[in-house]
C-alpha atoms as a PDB file:
ATOM      1  CA  UNK A   1     -22.205 -20.910  16.187  1.00  0.00           C
ATOM      2  CA  UNK A   2     -21.358 -24.083  14.205  1.00  0.00           C
ATOM      3  CA  UNK A   3     -20.948 -22.181  10.953  1.00  0.00           C
ATOM      4  CA  UNK A   4     -18.343 -23.820   8.685  1.00  0.00           C
ATOM      5  CA  UNK A   5     -18.066 -20.981   6.153  1.00  0.00           C
ATOM      6  CA  UNK A   6     -19.179 -17.453   5.651  1.00  0.00           C
ATOM      7  CA  UNK A   7     -19.682 -15.119   2.665  1.00  0.00           C
ATOM      8  CA  UNK A   8     -17.552 -11.992   2.555  1.00  0.00           C
ATOM      9  CA  UNK A   9     -18.240  -8.951   0.320  1.00  0.00           C
ATOM     10  CA  UNK A  10     -15.003  -7.648  -1.193  1.00  0.00           C
ATOM     11  CA  UNK A  11     -15.538  -3.929  -2.195  1.00  0.00           C
ATOM     12  CA  UNK A  12     -14.379  -2.512  -5.482  1.00  0.00           C
ATOM     13  CA  UNK A  13     -10.740  -3.288  -6.407  1.00  0.00           C
ATOM     14  CA  UNK A  14      -8.444  -6.274  -6.033  1.00  0.00           C
ATOM     15  CA  UNK A  15      -8.110  -7.835  -2.620  1.00  0.00           C
ATOM     16  CA  UNK A  16      -5.393 -10.102  -1.338  1.00  0.00           C
ATOM     17  CA  UNK A  17      -5.097 -12.576   1.498  1.00  0.00           C
ATOM     18  CA  UNK A  18      -3.072 -11.088   4.355  1.00  0.00           C
ATOM     19  CA  UNK A  19      -1.254 -14.330   5.095  1.00  0.00           C
ATOM     20  CA  UNK A  20      -0.425 -15.609   1.640  1.00  0.00           C
ATOM     21  CA  UNK A  21      -0.604 -12.575  -0.605  1.00  0.00           C
ATOM     22  CA  UNK A  22      -2.737 -14.581  -3.094  1.00  0.00           C
ATOM     23  CA  UNK A  23      -5.618 -12.664  -4.889  1.00  0.00           C
ATOM     24  CA  UNK A  24      -8.758 -13.317  -2.836  1.00  0.00           C
ATOM     25  CA  UNK A  25     -11.081 -11.614  -5.268  1.00  0.00           C
ATOM     26  CA  UNK A  26     -12.119  -8.435  -7.040  1.00  0.00           C
ATOM     27  CA  UNK A  27     -15.370  -6.587  -6.378  1.00  0.00           C
ATOM     28  CA  UNK A  28     -17.243  -9.716  -5.548  1.00  0.00           C
ATOM     29  CA  UNK A  29     -18.677 -11.990  -2.861  1.00  0.00           C
ATOM     30  CA  UNK A  30     -16.418 -14.816  -1.673  1.00  0.00           C
ATOM     31  CA  UNK A  31     -16.857 -17.758   0.609  1.00  0.00           C
ATOM     32  CA  UNK A  32     -14.287 -18.218   3.382  1.00  0.00           C
ATOM     33  CA  UNK A  33     -13.968 -21.109   5.776  1.00  0.00           C
ATOM     34  CA  UNK A  34     -14.686 -20.396   9.458  1.00  0.00           C
ATOM     35  CA  UNK A  35     -11.517 -21.260  11.419  1.00  0.00           C
ATOM     36  CA  UNK A  36     -10.735 -20.048  14.946  1.00  0.00           C
ATOM     37  CA  UNK A  37      -7.081 -20.346  14.366  1.00  0.00           C
ATOM     38  CA  UNK A  38      -7.012 -18.222  11.117  1.00  0.00           C
ATOM     39  CA  UNK A  39      -9.091 -15.049  11.031  1.00  0.00           C
ATOM     40  CA  UNK A  40      -9.671 -14.054   7.399  1.00  0.00           C
ATOM     41  CA  UNK A  41      -8.015 -10.724   6.658  1.00  0.00           C
ATOM     42  CA  UNK A  42      -7.899  -9.117   3.273  1.00  0.00           C
ATOM     43  CA  UNK A  43      -5.680  -6.197   1.977  1.00  0.00           C
ATOM     44  CA  UNK A  44      -6.474  -3.982  -0.929  1.00  0.00           C
ATOM     45  CA  UNK A  45      -4.199  -3.690  -3.938  1.00  0.00           C
ATOM     46  CA  UNK A  46      -1.314  -1.369  -3.039  1.00  0.00           C
ATOM     47  CA  UNK A  47      -1.747  -1.918   0.711  1.00  0.00           C
ATOM     48  CA  UNK A  48       1.350  -1.405   2.894  1.00  0.00           C
ATOM     49  CA  UNK A  49       1.346  -2.944   6.380  1.00  0.00           C
ATOM     50  CA  UNK A  50       4.334  -2.324   8.727  1.00  0.00           C
ATOM     51  CA  UNK A  51       4.772  -5.118  11.324  1.00  0.00           C
ATOM     52  CA  UNK A  52       7.034  -5.311  14.349  1.00  0.00           C
ATOM     53  CA  UNK A  53       7.921  -8.463  16.290  1.00  0.00           C
ATOM     54  CA  UNK A  54       5.694  -9.172  19.242  1.00  0.00           C
ATOM     55  CA  UNK A  55       7.128  -7.967  22.549  1.00  0.00           C
ATOM     56  CA  UNK A  56       6.161  -8.934  26.066  1.00  0.00           C
ATOM     57  CA  UNK A  57       6.763  -5.507  27.538  1.00  0.00           C
ATOM     58  CA  UNK A  58       7.725  -2.052  26.351  1.00  0.00           C
ATOM     59  CA  UNK A  59      11.255  -1.559  27.676  1.00  0.00           C
ATOM     60  CA  UNK A  60      12.428   1.177  25.319  1.00  0.00           C
ATOM     61  CA  UNK A  61      14.393  -1.153  23.042  1.00  0.00           C
ATOM     62  CA  UNK A  62      14.129  -0.553  19.325  1.00  0.00           C
ATOM     63  CA  UNK A  63      12.654  -3.151  16.964  1.00  0.00           C
ATOM     64  CA  UNK A  64      13.242  -4.088  13.312  1.00  0.00           C
ATOM     65  CA  UNK A  65      10.389  -3.433  11.016  1.00  0.00           C
ATOM     66  CA  UNK A  66       8.970  -5.728   8.330  1.00  0.00           C
ATOM     67  CA  UNK A  67       7.037  -3.813   5.711  1.00  0.00           C
ATOM     68  CA  UNK A  68       4.570  -5.792   3.752  1.00  0.00           C
ATOM     69  CA  UNK A  69       3.190  -4.687   0.295  1.00  0.00           C
ATOM     70  CA  UNK A  70       0.255  -6.386  -1.300  1.00  0.00           C
ATOM     71  CA  UNK A  71      -0.789  -6.451  -5.015  1.00  0.00           C
ATOM     72  CA  UNK A  72       0.855  -4.658  -7.868  1.00  0.00           C
ATOM     73  CA  UNK A  73      -0.110  -1.021  -7.291  1.00  0.00           C
ATOM     74  CA  UNK A  74       2.558   1.470  -6.242  1.00  0.00           C
ATOM     75  CA  UNK A  75       1.681   3.313  -3.085  1.00  0.00           C
ATOM     76  CA  UNK A  76       2.859   5.266  -0.061  1.00  0.00           C
ATOM     77  CA  UNK A  77       2.309   5.208   3.741  1.00  0.00           C
ATOM     78  CA  UNK A  78       3.194   7.555   6.584  1.00  0.00           C
ATOM     79  CA  UNK A  79       4.216   5.697   9.698  1.00  0.00           C
ATOM     80  CA  UNK A  80       3.862   7.695  12.943  1.00  0.00           C
ATOM     81  CA  UNK A  81       6.398   7.296  15.740  1.00  0.00           C
ATOM     82  CA  UNK A  82       6.783   8.981  19.153  1.00  0.00           C
ATOM     83  CA  UNK A  83       8.308   8.136  22.544  1.00  0.00           C
ATOM     84  CA  UNK A  84       5.176   6.296  23.689  1.00  0.00           C
ATOM     85  CA  UNK A  85       5.533   7.625  27.194  1.00  0.00           C
ATOM     86  CA  UNK A  86       4.978  11.359  27.307  1.00  0.00           C
ATOM     87  CA  UNK A  87       2.790  14.030  25.899  1.00  0.00           C
ATOM     88  CA  UNK A  88       5.793  15.549  24.122  1.00  0.00           C
ATOM     89  CA  UNK A  89       4.073  14.741  20.805  1.00  0.00           C
ATOM     90  CA  UNK A  90       1.842  17.720  21.502  1.00  0.00           C
ATOM     91  CA  UNK A  91       4.987  19.864  21.356  1.00  0.00           C
ATOM     92  CA  UNK A  92       5.970  18.303  17.997  1.00  0.00           C
ATOM     93  CA  UNK A  93       8.148  15.495  19.346  1.00  0.00           C
ATOM     94  CA  UNK A  94       7.044  12.854  16.813  1.00  0.00           C
ATOM     95  CA  UNK A  95       8.097  11.688  13.446  1.00  0.00           C
ATOM     96  CA  UNK A  96       6.249  10.594  10.296  1.00  0.00           C
ATOM     97  CA  UNK A  97       8.402   8.023   8.519  1.00  0.00           C
ATOM     98  CA  UNK A  98       7.621   7.954   4.752  1.00  0.00           C
ATOM     99  CA  UNK A  99       7.274   4.497   3.175  1.00  0.00           C
ATOM    100  CA  UNK A 100       7.189   4.299  -0.667  1.00  0.00           C
ATOM    101  CA  UNK A 101       6.679   1.388  -2.955  1.00  0.00           C
ATOM    102  CA  UNK A 102       7.335   2.260  -6.671  1.00  0.00           C
ATOM    103  CA  UNK A 103       8.292   0.492  -9.886  1.00  0.00           C
ATOM    104  CA  UNK A 104      11.901   0.852 -11.024  1.00  0.00           C
ATOM    105  CA  UNK A 105      13.006   1.139 -14.676  1.00  0.00           C
ATOM    106  CA  UNK A 106      12.598  -2.639 -15.125  1.00  0.00           C
ATOM    107  CA  UNK A 107       9.030  -2.557 -13.813  1.00  0.00           C
ATOM    108  CA  UNK A 108       9.910  -4.323 -10.534  1.00  0.00           C
ATOM    109  CA  UNK A 109       8.374  -3.087  -7.260  1.00  0.00           C
ATOM    110  CA  UNK A 110      10.973  -1.517  -4.952  1.00  0.00           C
ATOM    111  CA  UNK A 111      10.492  -0.149  -1.454  1.00  0.00           C
ATOM    112  CA  UNK A 112      12.143   2.794   0.310  1.00  0.00           C
ATOM    113  CA  UNK A 113      11.958   4.429   3.736  1.00  0.00           C
ATOM    114  CA  UNK A 114      12.768   8.044   4.415  1.00  0.00           C
ATOM    115  CA  UNK A 115      13.054   9.800   7.665  1.00  0.00           C
ATOM    116  CA  UNK A 116      12.898  13.634   7.832  1.00  0.00           C
ATOM    117  CA  UNK A 117      16.278  15.171   8.465  1.00  0.00           C
ATOM    118  CA  UNK A 118      16.886  15.941  12.131  1.00  0.00           C
ATOM    119  CA  UNK A 119      13.981  13.856  13.335  1.00  0.00           C
ATOM    120  CA  UNK A 120      14.289  11.166  16.018  1.00  0.00           C
ATOM    121  CA  UNK A 121      13.083   7.564  15.778  1.00  0.00           C
ATOM    122  CA  UNK A 122      12.041   5.938  18.988  1.00  0.00           C
ATOM    123  CA  UNK A 123      10.494   2.564  18.135  1.00  0.00           C
ATOM    124  CA  UNK A 124      12.458   1.237  15.181  1.00  0.00           C
ATOM    125  CA  UNK A 125      16.124   0.206  14.937  1.00  0.00           C
ATOM    126  CA  UNK A 126      16.648   1.318  11.300  1.00  0.00           C
ATOM    127  CA  UNK A 127      16.350  -2.214   9.866  1.00  0.00           C
ATOM    128  CA  UNK A 128      13.512  -2.120   7.403  1.00  0.00           C
ATOM    129  CA  UNK A 129      12.785  -5.266   5.457  1.00  0.00           C
ATOM    130  CA  UNK A 130      10.357  -5.119   2.526  1.00  0.00           C
ATOM    131  CA  UNK A 131       8.311  -8.222   1.863  1.00  0.00           C
ATOM    132  CA  UNK A 132       6.366  -8.209  -1.369  1.00  0.00           C
ATOM    133  CA  UNK A 133       3.558 -10.556  -0.666  1.00  0.00           C
ATOM    134  CA  UNK A 134       1.983 -10.872  -4.103  1.00  0.00           C
ATOM    135  CA  UNK A 135       3.760 -12.583  -6.988  1.00  0.00           C
ATOM    136  CA  UNK A 136       3.618 -10.809 -10.315  1.00  0.00           C
ATOM    137  CA  UNK A 137       0.120 -11.324 -11.958  1.00  0.00           C
ATOM    138  CA  UNK A 138      -0.533 -11.777 -15.551  1.00  0.00           C
ATOM    139  CA  UNK A 139      -3.284  -9.215 -16.438  1.00  0.00           C
END
């Protein structure tokens, strides 16, 4: 109570601020300001975080998906989806959506989404927007 700042240990690797994408530190102890309106969250290099808009109730409507990538490291992520209502996932009624971030021939990060053929998508409307949170760094 009353603390104005706190020390945070960042494990091995590069870590980025969730909100800005700026490098927060690398394998070190950093000091962050205590702010009730802004919880400090850090994402490791290559982290992929899918985000959906906030909804007040689940009505079965499909949502667009913003896919954030942090850092410079290529990576992959499997996003699970099912109907959210039944136990049909126990019978195989679910889909793992593959999200990939790789470098193209020019060295730029590019994202792709692939859905297994014949699989259903319940939660997402097929609009996938990639947001690369971290500007190119000079190593």
